[in-house]
Protein backbone atom coordinates (compact mmCIF):
# COMPACT_ATOMS: atom_id res chain seq x y z
CA MET A 1 36.87 60.59 -107.99
CA ILE A 2 35.45 62.47 -105.01
CA ILE A 3 32.87 64.10 -107.27
CA LYS A 4 31.80 60.68 -108.57
CA ILE A 5 31.51 59.31 -105.04
CA LEU A 6 29.43 62.28 -103.94
CA LYS A 7 27.31 61.88 -107.06
CA TRP A 8 26.62 58.22 -106.30
CA ILE A 9 25.87 59.02 -102.68
CA GLY A 10 23.41 61.66 -103.87
CA ILE A 11 21.78 59.18 -106.25
CA ILE A 12 21.47 56.59 -103.49
CA LEU A 13 19.99 59.09 -101.05
CA LEU A 14 17.56 60.35 -103.67
CA SER A 15 16.57 56.77 -104.50
CA LEU A 16 15.98 56.01 -100.85
CA LEU A 17 13.89 59.15 -100.53
CA LEU A 18 11.80 58.25 -103.59
CA ILE A 19 11.33 54.67 -102.39
CA SER A 20 10.19 55.96 -98.99
CA PHE A 21 7.12 57.52 -100.63
CA PHE A 22 5.91 53.98 -101.40
CA LEU A 23 6.65 52.55 -97.97
CA PRO A 24 4.02 52.32 -95.20
CA SER A 25 3.77 55.41 -93.04
CA LYS A 26 2.22 53.40 -90.21
CA SER A 27 3.67 50.77 -87.93
CA HIS A 28 1.79 48.19 -85.91
CA VAL A 29 3.25 45.74 -83.44
CA GLU A 30 1.07 43.28 -81.56
CA ARG A 31 1.54 40.33 -79.26
CA SER A 32 -0.93 38.25 -77.25
CA ALA A 33 -0.57 35.81 -74.39
CA ILE A 34 -2.81 33.92 -71.98
CA LEU A 35 -2.03 35.13 -68.47
CA LYS A 36 -2.98 33.10 -65.40
CA ALA A 37 -4.10 35.97 -63.17
CA PRO A 38 -7.70 37.34 -63.10
CA ALA A 39 -8.45 40.20 -65.48
CA ALA A 40 -9.12 42.63 -62.61
CA VAL A 41 -5.65 42.09 -61.14
CA ILE A 42 -3.94 42.41 -64.53
CA HIS A 43 -5.94 45.57 -65.25
CA LYS A 44 -4.75 47.15 -62.01
CA SER A 45 -1.14 46.21 -62.79
CA ILE A 46 -1.45 48.18 -66.05
CA ALA A 47 -3.74 51.04 -64.98
CA ASP A 48 -1.56 51.86 -61.95
CA LEU A 49 1.59 53.33 -63.49
CA HIS A 50 3.39 53.02 -60.15
CA GLN A 51 3.36 49.24 -60.76
CA TRP A 52 5.04 49.42 -64.20
CA PRO A 53 8.61 49.10 -62.85
CA ASN A 54 7.61 45.59 -61.78
CA TRP A 55 6.89 44.38 -65.32
CA SER A 56 7.58 46.95 -68.09
CA PRO A 57 10.44 45.60 -70.28
CA TRP A 58 11.80 49.06 -71.07
CA ILE A 59 11.81 50.37 -67.51
CA ARG A 60 13.54 47.16 -66.41
CA MET A 61 16.23 47.61 -69.08
CA ASP A 62 17.77 50.53 -67.21
CA THR A 63 18.24 50.29 -63.45
CA ASN A 64 19.21 53.97 -63.44
CA ILE A 65 16.11 55.20 -65.26
CA VAL A 66 14.52 58.27 -63.68
CA LEU A 67 10.71 58.19 -63.43
CA GLU A 68 8.63 61.21 -62.47
CA TYR A 69 4.92 60.72 -61.83
CA GLN A 70 2.79 63.74 -62.68
CA ASN A 71 -0.04 62.68 -60.33
CA ASN A 72 -1.30 59.85 -58.15
CA LEU A 73 -4.13 58.90 -60.46
CA VAL A 74 -4.88 55.35 -61.52
CA GLY A 75 -6.33 54.81 -64.99
CA LYS A 76 -7.38 57.67 -67.25
CA GLY A 77 -5.32 60.80 -66.66
CA ALA A 78 -2.43 59.01 -64.96
CA SER A 79 0.96 59.92 -66.44
CA TYR A 80 4.69 59.80 -65.90
CA SER A 81 7.84 60.92 -67.68
CA TRP A 82 11.13 59.06 -67.96
CA LYS A 83 14.78 59.88 -68.56
CA SER A 84 17.23 57.17 -69.53
CA LYS A 85 20.57 56.88 -71.29
CA ILE A 86 19.50 53.47 -72.57
CA VAL A 87 15.85 53.87 -73.65
CA GLY A 88 15.82 57.65 -74.15
CA ASN A 89 13.42 60.21 -72.72
CA GLY A 90 9.68 60.61 -73.02
CA LYS A 91 6.27 60.80 -71.42
CA LEU A 92 3.34 58.40 -71.15
CA GLU A 93 -0.30 59.15 -70.31
CA ILE A 94 -3.30 56.84 -70.03
CA ILE A 95 -6.03 58.37 -72.20
CA GLU A 96 -8.67 55.61 -72.14
CA ASP A 97 -9.52 53.12 -69.43
CA SER A 98 -12.19 50.48 -68.97
CA PRO A 99 -12.09 47.03 -67.32
CA GLU A 100 -11.34 45.41 -70.70
CA PHE A 101 -9.26 48.08 -72.45
CA ILE A 102 -6.50 50.57 -71.68
CA LYS A 103 -4.96 53.02 -74.14
CA ALA A 104 -1.82 55.05 -73.50
CA LYS A 105 -0.23 57.91 -75.43
CA MET A 106 3.57 57.84 -75.59
CA ASP A 107 5.62 60.89 -76.59
CA PHE A 108 9.21 59.92 -77.35
CA ASP A 109 10.81 63.31 -76.69
CA GLY A 110 10.55 64.90 -80.12
CA MET A 111 10.83 61.62 -82.04
CA GLY A 112 7.11 61.15 -82.50
CA ILE A 113 4.00 59.91 -80.74
CA SER A 114 2.80 56.31 -80.50
CA PHE A 115 -0.25 54.73 -78.91
CA GLY A 116 -0.15 51.56 -76.85
CA THR A 117 -3.25 49.50 -76.15
CA TYR A 118 -3.94 46.63 -73.78
CA THR A 119 -7.01 44.47 -74.37
CA LEU A 120 -8.10 42.00 -71.68
CA LYS A 121 -10.47 39.12 -72.33
CA ASN A 122 -11.42 36.21 -70.08
CA GLU A 123 -10.41 32.96 -71.74
CA GLY A 124 -10.85 29.65 -69.94
CA GLU A 125 -9.22 29.88 -66.54
CA GLY A 126 -6.94 32.71 -67.64
CA THR A 127 -6.98 36.13 -69.26
CA LYS A 128 -5.96 36.81 -72.85
CA VAL A 129 -3.95 40.03 -72.97
CA THR A 130 -3.27 41.67 -76.32
CA TRP A 131 -0.61 44.36 -76.26
CA SER A 132 -0.20 46.53 -79.34
CA MET A 133 1.57 49.72 -80.38
CA ASP A 134 0.66 51.94 -83.33
CA SER A 135 2.47 54.90 -84.84
CA GLU A 136 1.67 57.14 -87.79
CA GLY A 137 4.57 59.56 -87.48
CA GLU A 138 2.58 62.10 -85.48
CA GLY A 139 4.83 64.71 -83.87
CA MET A 140 7.90 63.46 -85.72
CA PRO A 141 10.32 65.96 -87.37
CA PHE A 142 9.63 66.09 -91.12
CA TYR A 143 13.25 65.26 -91.98
CA PHE A 144 13.04 62.02 -89.99
CA LYS A 145 9.81 60.75 -91.56
CA PRO A 146 11.42 59.18 -94.69
CA ILE A 147 13.89 57.29 -92.48
CA SER A 148 11.13 56.24 -90.08
CA LYS A 149 9.34 54.42 -92.90
CA TYR A 150 12.30 52.06 -93.19
CA PHE A 151 12.20 51.54 -89.44
CA ASN A 152 8.48 50.70 -89.77
CA LEU A 153 9.45 47.67 -91.87
CA MET A 154 11.62 46.36 -89.03
CA MET A 155 9.55 47.53 -86.06
CA ASP A 156 7.89 44.17 -85.40
CA LYS A 157 11.22 42.35 -85.18
CA MET A 158 12.79 45.18 -83.19
CA ILE A 159 10.27 45.49 -80.34
CA GLY A 160 8.07 42.39 -80.74
CA PRO A 161 10.41 40.37 -78.48
CA ASP A 162 10.16 43.13 -75.86
CA PHE A 163 6.37 42.77 -75.90
CA GLU A 164 6.68 39.00 -75.45
CA LYS A 165 9.06 39.45 -72.53
CA GLY A 166 6.82 42.14 -71.02
CA LEU A 167 3.74 39.91 -71.17
CA GLN A 168 5.65 37.10 -69.51
CA THR A 169 6.80 39.39 -66.70
CA LEU A 170 3.29 40.89 -66.38
CA ASP A 171 1.97 37.34 -66.00
CA GLU A 172 4.41 36.53 -63.21
CA TYR A 173 3.86 39.82 -61.39
CA SER A 174 0.05 39.80 -61.68
CA LEU A 175 -0.08 36.25 -60.40
CA GLN A 176 1.85 37.34 -57.31
CA MET A 177 -0.57 40.24 -56.83
CA ALA A 178 -3.56 37.90 -57.23
CA LYS A 179 -2.28 35.74 -54.38
CA LEU A 180 -2.02 38.83 -52.18
CA SER A 181 -5.57 39.95 -53.08
CA SER A 182 -7.50 38.00 -50.47
CA GLY A 183 -11.25 37.73 -50.17
CA SER A 184 -14.09 35.85 -51.82
CA VAL A 185 -17.77 36.19 -52.67
CA LEU A 186 -19.62 33.63 -50.55
CA SER A 187 -23.04 33.97 -52.20
CA VAL A 188 -25.19 35.96 -54.62
CA GLU A 189 -28.97 35.87 -54.29
CA GLU A 190 -32.18 37.72 -55.07
CA MET A 191 -34.23 39.09 -52.19
CA THR A 192 -36.87 41.63 -51.26
CA SER A 193 -36.02 43.98 -48.41
CA LYS A 194 -38.38 45.22 -45.72
CA ASN A 195 -39.17 48.87 -45.07
CA MET A 196 -36.28 50.51 -43.27
CA ILE A 197 -35.73 53.86 -41.54
CA LEU A 198 -32.21 55.24 -41.84
CA ALA A 199 -30.32 58.04 -40.11
CA GLN A 200 -27.85 59.41 -42.62
CA MET A 201 -24.91 61.78 -42.78
CA ILE A 202 -23.15 62.82 -46.01
CA GLY A 203 -19.46 63.66 -46.26
CA THR A 204 -16.50 63.73 -48.62
CA CYS A 205 -12.97 62.39 -48.32
CA SER A 206 -10.16 60.93 -50.37
CA PRO A 207 -10.61 57.24 -51.34
CA ASN A 208 -7.91 56.07 -48.93
CA GLU A 209 -9.59 57.84 -45.98
CA ILE A 210 -13.02 56.22 -46.34
CA GLY A 211 -12.65 53.93 -43.32
CA ALA A 212 -11.71 56.76 -40.98
CA LYS A 213 -14.40 59.03 -42.40
CA LEU A 214 -17.12 56.42 -41.90
CA GLY A 215 -16.07 55.89 -38.29
CA GLU A 216 -16.23 59.63 -37.71
CA MET A 217 -19.70 59.96 -39.27
CA TYR A 218 -21.18 56.94 -37.48
CA GLY A 219 -20.04 58.50 -34.20
CA ALA A 220 -21.58 61.84 -35.17
CA ILE A 221 -24.90 60.20 -36.09
CA ASN A 222 -25.07 58.40 -32.75
CA GLU A 223 -24.30 61.62 -30.93
CA LYS A 224 -27.13 63.42 -32.73
CA ILE A 225 -29.83 60.76 -32.42
CA THR A 226 -29.26 59.75 -28.77
CA PRO A 227 -30.98 62.87 -27.30
CA GLU A 228 -33.97 62.09 -29.53
CA GLN A 229 -34.24 58.63 -27.92
CA ILE A 230 -33.72 57.06 -31.32
CA LYS A 231 -32.18 53.58 -31.22
CA VAL A 232 -29.92 51.89 -33.75
CA VAL A 233 -31.51 48.59 -34.78
CA GLY A 234 -29.09 47.17 -37.34
CA MET A 235 -25.53 47.05 -38.63
CA PRO A 236 -23.89 50.12 -40.23
CA LEU A 237 -24.55 50.84 -43.90
CA ALA A 238 -22.71 52.97 -46.45
CA SER A 239 -23.07 54.07 -50.05
CA TYR A 240 -20.66 55.75 -52.45
CA PRO A 241 -22.62 57.46 -55.26
CA GLU A 242 -20.75 57.56 -58.57
CA PHE A 243 -17.65 56.21 -56.89
CA ASP A 244 -14.41 56.91 -58.76
CA PRO A 245 -11.25 55.50 -57.13
CA THR A 246 -9.10 57.89 -59.19
CA ALA A 247 -10.87 61.02 -57.91
CA LYS A 248 -9.29 63.22 -55.26
CA LEU A 249 -12.56 63.32 -53.30
CA VAL A 250 -15.49 60.90 -53.17
CA ARG A 251 -18.97 61.25 -51.65
CA VAL A 252 -19.61 59.03 -48.67
CA LEU A 253 -23.07 58.29 -47.26
CA ALA A 254 -22.93 56.83 -43.75
CA MET A 255 -26.24 55.29 -42.63
CA LEU A 256 -27.54 53.58 -39.50
CA PRO A 257 -30.87 51.68 -39.35
CA VAL A 258 -33.01 53.25 -36.61
CA ASP A 259 -36.36 52.57 -34.96
CA LYS A 260 -38.04 55.88 -35.82
CA LYS A 261 -37.63 59.02 -37.89
CA CYS A 262 -35.75 62.06 -36.68
CA LYS A 263 -37.88 65.09 -35.91
CA SER A 264 -35.78 68.00 -34.78
CA LEU A 265 -32.43 67.35 -36.48
CA LYS A 266 -31.11 69.68 -39.15
CA GLU A 267 -31.01 68.13 -42.58
CA SER A 268 -27.50 69.51 -43.12
CA GLU A 269 -26.16 67.32 -40.31
CA VAL A 270 -28.21 64.18 -39.87
CA TYR A 271 -31.57 63.36 -41.32
CA CYS A 272 -33.81 60.32 -41.28
CA PHE A 273 -35.79 58.84 -44.12
CA GLU A 274 -37.62 55.64 -44.89
CA ILE A 275 -36.72 53.20 -47.65
CA ILE A 276 -39.66 51.17 -48.90
CA GLY A 277 -39.03 47.45 -49.36
CA GLN A 278 -37.55 46.72 -52.78
CA LYS A 279 -36.09 43.98 -54.95
CA LEU A 280 -32.36 43.56 -54.35
CA ILE A 281 -29.45 41.43 -55.45
CA LYS A 282 -27.38 40.59 -52.38
CA ALA A 283 -23.75 39.48 -52.48
CA VAL A 284 -21.92 38.37 -49.34
CA PHE A 285 -18.20 39.15 -49.39
CA GLN A 286 -15.64 37.90 -46.90
CA GLY A 287 -12.30 39.65 -46.76
CA PRO A 288 -10.67 43.08 -46.45
CA TYR A 289 -13.02 45.96 -47.13
CA GLU A 290 -10.78 47.33 -49.89
CA ASN A 291 -11.35 44.15 -51.93
CA SER A 292 -15.16 44.28 -51.79
CA LYS A 293 -15.28 45.27 -55.47
CA MET A 294 -15.42 41.51 -56.06
CA ALA A 295 -18.98 41.57 -54.71
CA TYR A 296 -20.00 44.41 -57.05
CA ASP A 297 -18.48 42.55 -60.00
CA ALA A 298 -20.35 39.39 -59.01
CA ILE A 299 -23.67 41.25 -58.82
CA GLU A 300 -23.10 42.93 -62.19
CA ALA A 301 -22.33 39.54 -63.75
CA TYR A 302 -25.47 38.04 -62.17
CA ILE A 303 -27.67 40.91 -63.40
CA LYS A 304 -26.25 40.57 -66.91
CA GLU A 305 -26.76 36.80 -66.92
CA LYS A 306 -30.40 37.13 -65.79
CA GLY A 307 -31.20 39.99 -68.15
CA TYR A 308 -32.10 42.34 -65.29
CA GLU A 309 -31.36 46.06 -64.97
CA THR A 310 -30.02 48.01 -62.02
CA ASN A 311 -32.58 50.27 -60.36
CA GLY A 312 -30.75 52.61 -58.03
CA GLN A 313 -27.52 53.02 -56.09
CA PRO A 314 -25.92 49.99 -54.42
CA TYR A 315 -25.08 50.11 -50.74
CA GLU A 316 -23.01 48.11 -48.28
CA GLU A 317 -23.79 46.59 -44.90
CA TYR A 318 -20.89 45.81 -42.56
CA ALA A 319 -22.18 42.56 -41.12
CA ASN A 320 -19.64 42.06 -38.33
CA ASP A 321 -17.67 44.39 -36.09
CA PRO A 322 -14.02 44.84 -37.16
CA MET A 323 -13.17 45.82 -33.57
CA GLU A 324 -14.22 42.33 -32.47
CA VAL A 325 -13.21 40.22 -35.49
CA LYS A 326 -9.75 41.83 -35.87
CA ASP A 327 -8.65 39.65 -38.83
CA PRO A 328 -9.48 41.56 -42.09
CA ASN A 329 -9.77 38.24 -43.94
CA LEU A 330 -12.86 37.49 -41.82
CA PHE A 331 -14.63 40.81 -42.32
CA LEU A 332 -18.13 40.33 -43.76
CA THR A 333 -19.66 42.86 -46.15
CA ASN A 334 -23.13 42.49 -47.63
CA VAL A 335 -23.54 44.42 -50.87
CA TYR A 336 -27.11 45.22 -51.96
CA TRP A 337 -28.06 46.48 -55.41
CA PRO A 338 -31.64 47.37 -56.40
CA TYR A 339 -32.77 45.80 -59.68
CA LYS A 340 -35.78 45.45 -61.91
């Protein structure tokens, strides 16, 4: 009897193995939803892994989950690992990042690798977010692959509801973040600037130290130009060539409009140069300095709509004095972007 039972078990296992050769080796799960928050806010909620505990369905399943962030990056290169008795162990890394698309690689601790993607598209007054996960058995032990093909048949029903719940929570969380993101673009217009002489100093700092660094450099410029009897004739300007908020260090150009060129100053410290009048797109932003990206986005949208092209680095003008205004919601920043 035992031999017969073992024989039938062997036949069943062999049959299952043979059938597995004809089953799909790939799995794909996808869900979409229209979220109320702006795409930029939703993107930040996804690209910043430190925000995932606020909306990720799997992290929220286990209040005792242990998360370890490998770095402080946002977007491409950001990663964290997790340990959980409920959802298992693994590691996630963002490998692609753009304003409309994020792709993450997930390694489920020896049980294979999957790829999650998040596609954002403006739709009406909301943002359509499509969340998908794909797996082809990469990194999976060979002995588990036949079994995994049966799981592939059930994957949509198994984790699809988690995606739906995650999108709902992401919607609620991003909407809260949108309300906290104050500031607005007051106007966008075309203009032609006049010739301008600038005294400039170049420095580097981490993205979160830009304000302090600018204050330091403006003070240094004033200290250098005063003995030359050079006067400041306009509000402070700044530019951030090839700015990357995820970088450890960024280049900062602090500039002050002055009435004449420097003569005896070393170029390594402060130097003066003239900008010839040029065609610019100007956006006026009111709100905290850290939210001024809205102005850049508005200019890019305007340039695209008009069929223009950018023609140089953008720069900012701080149109009122934060020491006098005090309230960050009333700070005025003019963003200028050369175009052709």
